[in-house]
Amino acid sequence: MFYIKERKFSGLNFLLIPLTIFVVFLPAWALGKPISDLFSVYFNQIGQYKSLVLNFSNIYSLIPDNYEYFHRSGIFISFAVLIGFYVLLSLTKIKLKPADYISIAMITVMICTFFLPSMRERYKFTADILAVLYFFLVPNQYFVPLLIWFINVNAYYPFLFQFGPIIDFRIMALVYLELLVFLIMYTFKSKTISQTSMEAG
């Protein structure tokens, strides 16, 4: 999406993605793990967990756990939300700064973990890491990373301490949704205001 919008780097850079994955797999391959198993491990997990949500707060915490009925539509909804978000970013005439990439990457992870079925707490770990950077880049919104971290802390409690969650997953799912909406709206609002001010100046 950023490549289409700004064209600031060569399309060949995308080859770094499979190359990085291959390099990460090299130690396991050297120890005798078949290369085909390494590349298929994640595909083989698709459909392994027959539950809409696993110890986590997302949209499926709010509806009955009917995997067969909702899991396919959940995948389509996730892609629709992601594509809608990226299309709006592409069509909006805003100039993105390096710090914006952190925010947009964090929103992307949050959209996936909120709308995709069979998510669990560890799948949002990337957003937890990005939230650390966000904390320093946007210090006046300290509550955003704090809420992101608490959503996962709340989800880890039953696993780590055999009790909990501290707050019901359904309530935290609503908090998650509100936070996601806030971040998306802030991304467009702040950039639009900034762009308007630059043009006026």
Foldseek 3Di string as FASTA:
>chain_A
DVCVQPVPDDPCVVVVVVVVLVVVCVVVVVVPDDPVCSVCVVVVCVVVDQWFEDLAAAPVLVDDGHRVVCQVVLVVVLVVVVVVLVVVVSPDPFDDDPLVVLLVVLLNQLSCQRRHGHHALVSNVSNLVSLVVVCVVPVVVVVLSVLSVVRSVLSCCCVPPVDGSPDRSHVSNVVSVVSSVVSSVCSVVVRVVVVVVVVVD
